[in-house]
Structure formats: C-alpha cells, structure tokens
C-alpha cells in the first residue's frame, strides 16, 4: 500500500495548483507553449517565403516595365508602317513632307518660314532675362 500512496503524490493532477479562475497552472502553461510554438512556426514560414515574395514582386515590376516598352515600340512601329504606306501610295503626302522637312519647293516658289508660337515665346523670355 505504500507504493499506492506514493503514486498519488507524484500525480500532477493531484497537486493542488489552482488559480482563482479555476484553471490549473499546467493548462495555462500548455496553452502558452502551444501559442508560442504556433508563433514560431508562422514566423519560420514567413522568413522562409519572404525572399521568394520579394523576388516575385521585383519580377512582376520588371515584366510590367518590359510590357510598357513593348507597347511603346509597337505603337512606334505602327506609326512607321503608316508613314511608309503613305510615302508609297500618296504623292500629296510626299510633297508635303518634302516641303515641311526638307524646305523644298517647286521651281519659282518663295518659301516663307515662321517660328512657332512656343519658339518665339521662349526666345522672348530668354531675351527679357
């Protein structure tokens, strides 16, 4: 019988460690340990995947920049194709481009060039300073 009374004294449930609200110290420690373990697992997962997430964000930003550049170049290519089409098919367009870009005219014509409003305004501002 001595062995039986000894086993009751070593039983953690038999130890009268109770708090005011009725929960045992062992229950509180168990819940605290579980919460800390969960926090440690979540932190480990976050630290494991955070560099991957940063790399993904950088790649997505790079991809968006490349797609924007592709759109710009596509628009530029379309503009050049349209200009080539007009140069091949429209003599009026060729004549207008020769007059505007190359300052050419027909024999006997006098060409008058006027500065644009922006250019003359900038010249006036720089002269006033």
N, C-alpha and C. Protein backbone atom coordinates (compact mmCIF):
# COMPACT_ATOMS: atom_id res chain seq x y z
N UNK A 1 0.79 -1.18 0.00
CA UNK A 1 0.00 0.00 0.00
C UNK A 1 0.85 1.27 0.00
N UNK A 2 2.05 1.14 0.42
CA UNK A 2 2.94 2.30 0.46
C UNK A 2 3.23 2.78 -0.96
N UNK A 3 3.30 1.84 -1.90
CA UNK A 3 3.57 2.21 -3.28
C UNK A 3 2.38 2.95 -3.86
N UNK A 4 1.19 2.56 -3.44
CA UNK A 4 -0.01 3.20 -3.95
C UNK A 4 -0.10 4.65 -3.50
N UNK A 5 0.19 4.96 -2.28
CA UNK A 5 0.11 6.32 -1.77
C UNK A 5 1.21 7.19 -2.39
N UNK A 6 2.36 6.57 -2.70
CA UNK A 6 3.45 7.28 -3.34
C UNK A 6 3.06 7.72 -4.75
N UNK A 7 2.35 6.87 -5.50
CA UNK A 7 1.97 7.21 -6.87
C UNK A 7 0.97 8.35 -6.89
N UNK A 8 0.13 8.47 -5.87
CA UNK A 8 -0.82 9.57 -5.81
C UNK A 8 -0.10 10.90 -5.55
N UNK A 9 0.95 10.87 -4.85
CA UNK A 9 1.68 12.10 -4.55
C UNK A 9 2.45 12.60 -5.77
N UNK A 10 2.84 11.73 -6.70
CA UNK A 10 3.58 12.13 -7.89
C UNK A 10 2.67 12.49 -9.05
N UNK A 11 1.39 12.27 -8.91
CA UNK A 11 0.43 12.56 -9.97
C UNK A 11 0.25 14.08 -10.09
N UNK A 12 0.56 14.72 -11.29
CA UNK A 12 0.42 16.17 -11.42
C UNK A 12 -1.02 16.64 -11.23
N UNK A 13 -1.99 15.79 -11.56
CA UNK A 13 -3.38 16.18 -11.40
C UNK A 13 -3.78 16.26 -9.94
N UNK A 14 -3.07 15.55 -9.09
CA UNK A 14 -3.40 15.54 -7.67
C UNK A 14 -2.78 16.73 -6.94
N UNK A 15 -1.85 17.44 -7.57
CA UNK A 15 -1.21 18.58 -6.92
C UNK A 15 -2.19 19.74 -6.93
N UNK A 16 -2.46 20.35 -5.82
CA UNK A 16 -3.45 21.43 -5.74
C UNK A 16 -2.88 22.78 -6.18
N UNK A 17 -2.54 22.91 -7.49
CA UNK A 17 -2.06 24.18 -8.04
C UNK A 17 -3.19 24.80 -8.85
N UNK A 18 -4.05 25.49 -8.26
CA UNK A 18 -5.20 26.10 -8.92
C UNK A 18 -5.11 27.63 -8.76
N UNK A 19 -5.56 28.33 -9.84
CA UNK A 19 -5.63 29.79 -9.77
C UNK A 19 -7.04 30.20 -9.41
N UNK A 20 -7.28 31.47 -9.30
CA UNK A 20 -8.57 31.97 -8.87
C UNK A 20 -9.70 31.62 -9.84
N UNK A 21 -9.41 31.65 -11.19
CA UNK A 21 -10.48 31.39 -12.16
C UNK A 21 -10.75 29.90 -12.32
N UNK A 22 -10.03 29.07 -11.68
CA UNK A 22 -10.31 27.64 -11.72
C UNK A 22 -9.45 26.87 -12.69
N UNK A 23 -8.62 27.51 -13.49
CA UNK A 23 -7.77 26.77 -14.42
C UNK A 23 -6.45 26.44 -13.73
N UNK A 24 -5.87 25.35 -14.13
CA UNK A 24 -4.63 24.93 -13.49
C UNK A 24 -3.43 25.61 -14.13
N UNK A 25 -2.34 25.64 -13.44
CA UNK A 25 -1.10 26.21 -13.95
C UNK A 25 -0.64 25.41 -15.17
N UNK A 26 -0.85 24.10 -15.11
CA UNK A 26 -0.42 23.24 -16.23
C UNK A 26 -1.20 23.56 -17.49
N UNK A 27 -2.47 23.84 -17.36
CA UNK A 27 -3.28 24.19 -18.54
C UNK A 27 -2.84 25.51 -19.14
N UNK A 28 -2.55 26.48 -18.30
CA UNK A 28 -2.08 27.79 -18.78
C UNK A 28 -0.73 27.64 -19.46
N UNK A 29 0.17 26.89 -18.85
CA UNK A 29 1.48 26.68 -19.46
C UNK A 29 1.38 25.93 -20.79
N UNK A 30 0.46 24.98 -20.86
CA UNK A 30 0.26 24.23 -22.11
C UNK A 30 -0.25 25.15 -23.21
N UNK A 31 -1.24 25.98 -22.89
CA UNK A 31 -1.77 26.91 -23.89
C UNK A 31 -0.72 27.93 -24.31
N UNK A 32 0.06 28.41 -23.36
CA UNK A 32 1.13 29.36 -23.67
C UNK A 32 2.19 28.72 -24.56
N UNK A 33 2.55 27.49 -24.27
CA UNK A 33 3.54 26.78 -25.08
C UNK A 33 3.01 26.55 -26.50
N UNK A 34 1.74 26.19 -26.61
CA UNK A 34 1.15 25.98 -27.92
C UNK A 34 1.12 27.27 -28.72
N UNK A 35 0.76 28.38 -28.08
CA UNK A 35 0.73 29.67 -28.77
C UNK A 35 2.12 30.08 -29.23
N UNK A 36 3.12 29.88 -28.37
CA UNK A 36 4.49 30.22 -28.76
C UNK A 36 5.00 29.33 -29.88
N UNK A 37 4.64 28.07 -29.84
CA UNK A 37 5.04 27.15 -30.91
C UNK A 37 4.38 27.54 -32.22
N UNK A 38 3.11 27.90 -32.18
CA UNK A 38 2.41 28.35 -33.38
C UNK A 38 3.04 29.63 -33.93
N UNK A 39 3.36 30.56 -33.03
CA UNK A 39 4.02 31.79 -33.45
C UNK A 39 5.38 31.50 -34.08
N UNK A 40 6.13 30.57 -33.52
CA UNK A 40 7.43 30.21 -34.08
C UNK A 40 7.29 29.58 -35.46
N UNK A 41 6.29 28.74 -35.66
CA UNK A 41 6.06 28.10 -36.97
C UNK A 41 5.66 29.15 -38.01
N UNK A 42 4.75 30.05 -37.64
CA UNK A 42 4.32 31.10 -38.58
C UNK A 42 5.50 32.01 -38.93
N UNK A 43 6.32 32.35 -37.94
CA UNK A 43 7.49 33.19 -38.21
C UNK A 43 8.48 32.47 -39.12
N UNK A 44 8.69 31.19 -38.90
CA UNK A 44 9.60 30.43 -39.75
C UNK A 44 9.10 30.36 -41.19
N UNK A 45 7.80 30.15 -41.35
CA UNK A 45 7.23 30.10 -42.71
C UNK A 45 7.37 31.46 -43.37
N UNK A 46 7.10 32.53 -42.63
CA UNK A 46 7.22 33.88 -43.19
C UNK A 46 8.66 34.15 -43.62
N UNK A 47 9.62 33.82 -42.75
CA UNK A 47 11.03 34.06 -43.08
C UNK A 47 11.49 33.19 -44.24
N UNK A 48 10.88 32.03 -44.40
CA UNK A 48 11.25 31.14 -45.50
C UNK A 48 10.77 31.69 -46.84
N UNK A 49 9.54 32.24 -46.87
CA UNK A 49 8.94 32.67 -48.13
C UNK A 49 9.09 34.15 -48.42
N UNK A 50 9.53 34.96 -47.47
CA UNK A 50 9.65 36.40 -47.71
C UNK A 50 10.61 36.74 -48.84
N UNK A 51 11.82 36.16 -48.91
CA UNK A 51 12.70 36.46 -50.06
C UNK A 51 12.09 36.04 -51.40
N UNK A 52 11.37 34.94 -51.39
CA UNK A 52 10.72 34.49 -52.63
C UNK A 52 9.66 35.50 -53.04
N UNK A 53 8.92 36.02 -52.07
CA UNK A 53 7.88 37.00 -52.36
C UNK A 53 8.49 38.30 -52.89
N UNK A 54 9.61 38.73 -52.31
CA UNK A 54 10.29 39.93 -52.79
C UNK A 54 10.77 39.74 -54.23
N UNK A 55 11.32 38.57 -54.52
CA UNK A 55 11.78 38.28 -55.89
C UNK A 55 10.61 38.30 -56.87
N UNK A 56 9.49 37.75 -56.45
CA UNK A 56 8.29 37.75 -57.29
C UNK A 56 7.84 39.17 -57.58
N UNK A 57 7.83 40.03 -56.57
CA UNK A 57 7.43 41.42 -56.77
C UNK A 57 8.38 42.13 -57.73
N UNK A 58 9.67 41.88 -57.59
CA UNK A 58 10.64 42.51 -58.49
C UNK A 58 10.45 42.03 -59.92
N UNK A 59 10.21 40.74 -60.09
CA UNK A 59 9.99 40.21 -61.45
C UNK A 59 8.71 40.76 -62.07
N UNK A 60 7.67 40.92 -61.26
CA UNK A 60 6.42 41.48 -61.78
C UNK A 60 6.60 42.93 -62.21
N UNK A 61 7.35 43.70 -61.43
CA UNK A 61 7.62 45.09 -61.81
C UNK A 61 8.44 45.15 -63.09
N UNK A 62 9.43 44.28 -63.19
CA UNK A 62 10.25 44.22 -64.41
C UNK A 62 9.42 43.84 -65.62
N UNK A 63 8.52 42.88 -65.43
CA UNK A 63 7.65 42.45 -66.52
C UNK A 63 6.73 43.58 -66.97
N UNK A 64 6.18 44.33 -66.01
CA UNK A 64 5.31 45.45 -66.37
C UNK A 64 6.07 46.51 -67.15
N UNK A 65 7.33 46.77 -66.77
CA UNK A 65 8.14 47.75 -67.49
C UNK A 65 8.43 47.27 -68.91
N UNK A 66 8.73 45.98 -69.06
CA UNK A 66 9.00 45.44 -70.39
C UNK A 66 7.75 45.48 -71.26
N UNK A 67 6.60 45.16 -70.67
CA UNK A 67 5.35 45.20 -71.44
C UNK A 67 5.02 46.63 -71.88
N UNK A 68 5.28 47.61 -71.02
CA UNK A 68 5.05 49.01 -71.40
C UNK A 68 5.98 49.40 -72.54
N UNK A 69 7.22 48.97 -72.47
CA UNK A 69 8.17 49.28 -73.54
C UNK A 69 7.74 48.61 -74.85
N UNK A 70 7.24 47.39 -74.76
CA UNK A 70 6.76 46.68 -75.96
C UNK A 70 5.60 47.45 -76.58
N UNK A 71 4.69 47.94 -75.75
CA UNK A 71 3.55 48.71 -76.27
C UNK A 71 4.02 49.98 -76.96
N UNK A 72 5.01 50.68 -76.37
CA UNK A 72 5.55 51.89 -76.99
C UNK A 72 6.18 51.58 -78.34
N UNK A 73 6.96 50.52 -78.36
CA UNK A 73 7.65 50.18 -79.62
C UNK A 73 6.65 49.69 -80.67
N UNK A 74 5.61 49.01 -80.25
CA UNK A 74 4.58 48.57 -81.19
C UNK A 74 3.87 49.78 -81.80
N UNK A 75 3.55 50.77 -80.97
CA UNK A 75 2.91 51.99 -81.47
C UNK A 75 3.85 52.72 -82.43
N UNK A 76 5.12 52.77 -82.09
CA UNK A 76 6.09 53.42 -82.97
C UNK A 76 6.22 52.68 -84.30
N UNK A 77 6.23 51.36 -84.25
CA UNK A 77 6.31 50.56 -85.47
C UNK A 77 5.08 50.77 -86.33
N UNK A 78 3.91 50.82 -85.71
CA UNK A 78 2.68 51.07 -86.47
C UNK A 78 2.72 52.43 -87.14
N UNK A 79 3.24 53.42 -86.42
CA UNK A 79 3.35 54.77 -86.99
C UNK A 79 4.29 54.76 -88.20
N UNK A 80 5.41 54.07 -88.08
CA UNK A 80 6.34 53.99 -89.20
C UNK A 80 5.73 53.24 -90.38
N UNK A 81 5.00 52.18 -90.11
CA UNK A 81 4.35 51.45 -91.20
C UNK A 81 3.33 52.33 -91.93
N UNK A 82 2.59 53.12 -91.14
CA UNK A 82 1.60 54.01 -91.75
C UNK A 82 2.30 55.06 -92.61
N UNK A 83 3.40 55.61 -92.11
CA UNK A 83 4.13 56.60 -92.88
C UNK A 83 4.70 55.99 -94.16
N UNK A 84 5.23 54.77 -94.08
CA UNK A 84 5.75 54.09 -95.27
C UNK A 84 4.63 53.88 -96.28
N UNK A 85 3.46 53.49 -95.79
CA UNK A 85 2.32 53.27 -96.69
C UNK A 85 1.97 54.57 -97.43
N UNK A 86 1.91 55.69 -96.68
CA UNK A 86 1.58 56.97 -97.32
C UNK A 86 2.68 57.41 -98.28
N UNK A 87 3.95 57.17 -97.92
CA UNK A 87 5.03 57.54 -98.83
C UNK A 87 4.98 56.74 -100.13
N UNK A 88 4.52 55.49 -100.05
CA UNK A 88 4.44 54.67 -101.26
C UNK A 88 3.21 54.97 -102.10
N UNK A 89 2.13 55.40 -101.48
CA UNK A 89 0.86 55.50 -102.21
C UNK A 89 0.36 56.92 -102.43
N UNK A 90 0.81 57.90 -101.69
CA UNK A 90 0.22 59.24 -101.77
C UNK A 90 1.26 60.27 -102.20
N UNK A 91 1.17 60.78 -103.42
CA UNK A 91 2.11 61.82 -103.85
C UNK A 91 1.92 63.13 -103.08
N UNK A 92 0.70 63.42 -102.64
CA UNK A 92 0.46 64.63 -101.86
C UNK A 92 1.21 64.58 -100.52
N UNK A 93 1.24 63.42 -99.92
CA UNK A 93 1.95 63.25 -98.66
C UNK A 93 3.45 63.44 -98.86
N UNK A 94 3.98 62.88 -99.94
CA UNK A 94 5.41 63.03 -100.24
C UNK A 94 5.74 64.50 -100.46
N UNK A 95 4.88 65.22 -101.19
CA UNK A 95 5.13 66.63 -101.44
C UNK A 95 5.10 67.43 -100.14
N UNK A 96 4.12 67.15 -99.27
CA UNK A 96 4.01 67.87 -98.01
C UNK A 96 5.23 67.60 -97.13
N UNK A 97 5.70 66.35 -97.09
CA UNK A 97 6.87 66.02 -96.29
C UNK A 97 8.12 66.72 -96.84
N UNK A 98 8.23 66.79 -98.17
CA UNK A 98 9.38 67.47 -98.78
C UNK A 98 9.36 68.95 -98.44
N UNK A 99 8.19 69.56 -98.42
CA UNK A 99 8.08 70.98 -98.08
C UNK A 99 8.39 71.22 -96.60
N UNK A 100 7.84 70.38 -95.71
CA UNK A 100 7.98 70.61 -94.27
C UNK A 100 9.37 70.21 -93.76
N UNK A 101 9.81 69.04 -94.11
CA UNK A 101 11.06 68.53 -93.53
C UNK A 101 12.32 69.03 -94.26
N UNK A 102 12.22 69.11 -95.58
CA UNK A 102 13.42 69.44 -96.36
C UNK A 102 13.44 70.87 -96.87
N UNK A 103 12.39 71.64 -96.58
CA UNK A 103 12.27 73.03 -97.04
C UNK A 103 12.41 73.14 -98.56
N UNK A 104 11.83 72.19 -99.24
CA UNK A 104 11.85 72.22 -100.71
C UNK A 104 10.58 72.87 -101.23
N UNK A 105 10.67 73.36 -102.43
CA UNK A 105 9.51 73.96 -103.09
C UNK A 105 9.60 73.75 -104.58
N UNK A 106 8.56 74.10 -105.24
CA UNK A 106 8.57 73.98 -106.70
C UNK A 106 9.40 75.12 -107.29
N UNK A 107 9.87 74.92 -108.51
CA UNK A 107 10.66 75.99 -109.14
C UNK A 107 9.86 77.29 -109.22
N UNK A 108 10.47 78.38 -108.81
CA UNK A 108 9.83 79.69 -108.85
C UNK A 108 9.05 80.03 -107.59
N UNK A 109 8.91 79.13 -106.64
CA UNK A 109 8.19 79.40 -105.40
C UNK A 109 9.12 80.07 -104.40
N UNK A 110 8.55 80.92 -103.59
CA UNK A 110 9.29 81.52 -102.49
C UNK A 110 8.72 80.92 -101.20
N UNK A 111 9.60 80.43 -100.35
CA UNK A 111 9.17 79.77 -99.12
C UNK A 111 9.36 80.72 -97.95
N UNK A 112 8.28 80.95 -97.21
CA UNK A 112 8.34 81.76 -96.00
C UNK A 112 8.20 80.82 -94.81
N UNK A 113 9.11 80.94 -93.86
CA UNK A 113 9.08 80.11 -92.64
C UNK A 113 8.84 81.02 -91.45
N UNK A 114 7.87 80.69 -90.62
CA UNK A 114 7.59 81.42 -89.39
C UNK A 114 7.85 80.49 -88.21
N UNK A 115 8.44 81.08 -87.18
CA UNK A 115 8.66 80.30 -85.96
C UNK A 115 7.32 79.99 -85.31
N UNK A 116 7.28 78.89 -84.63
CA UNK A 116 6.05 78.55 -83.92
C UNK A 116 5.89 79.48 -82.72
N UNK A 117 4.71 79.53 -82.16
CA UNK A 117 4.43 80.39 -81.02
C UNK A 117 5.32 80.05 -79.84
N UNK A 118 5.52 78.75 -79.57
CA UNK A 118 6.33 78.33 -78.43
C UNK A 118 7.78 78.78 -78.59
N UNK A 119 8.33 78.64 -79.78
CA UNK A 119 9.72 79.01 -80.02
C UNK A 119 9.91 80.51 -79.83
N UNK A 120 9.00 81.32 -80.39
CA UNK A 120 9.14 82.78 -80.26
C UNK A 120 8.94 83.21 -78.82
N UNK A 121 8.05 82.55 -78.07
CA UNK A 121 7.83 82.89 -76.66
C UNK A 121 9.08 82.58 -75.84
N UNK A 122 9.72 81.45 -76.12
CA UNK A 122 10.94 81.10 -75.39
C UNK A 122 12.06 82.08 -75.70
N UNK A 123 12.17 82.51 -76.94
CA UNK A 123 13.19 83.49 -77.30
C UNK A 123 12.94 84.82 -76.60
N UNK A 124 11.68 85.23 -76.51
CA UNK A 124 11.35 86.48 -75.83
C UNK A 124 11.65 86.39 -74.35
N UNK A 125 11.38 85.27 -73.73
CA UNK A 125 11.66 85.10 -72.31
C UNK A 125 13.15 85.11 -72.03
N UNK A 126 13.92 84.44 -72.88
CA UNK A 126 15.37 84.42 -72.66
C UNK A 126 15.98 85.79 -72.90
N UNK A 127 15.42 86.58 -73.85
CA UNK A 127 15.91 87.93 -74.12
C UNK A 127 15.56 88.86 -72.96
N UNK A 128 14.41 88.65 -72.32
CA UNK A 128 13.99 89.51 -71.21
C UNK A 128 14.84 89.27 -69.96
N UNK A 129 15.38 88.13 -69.82
CA UNK A 129 16.18 87.80 -68.63
C UNK A 129 17.55 88.37 -68.82
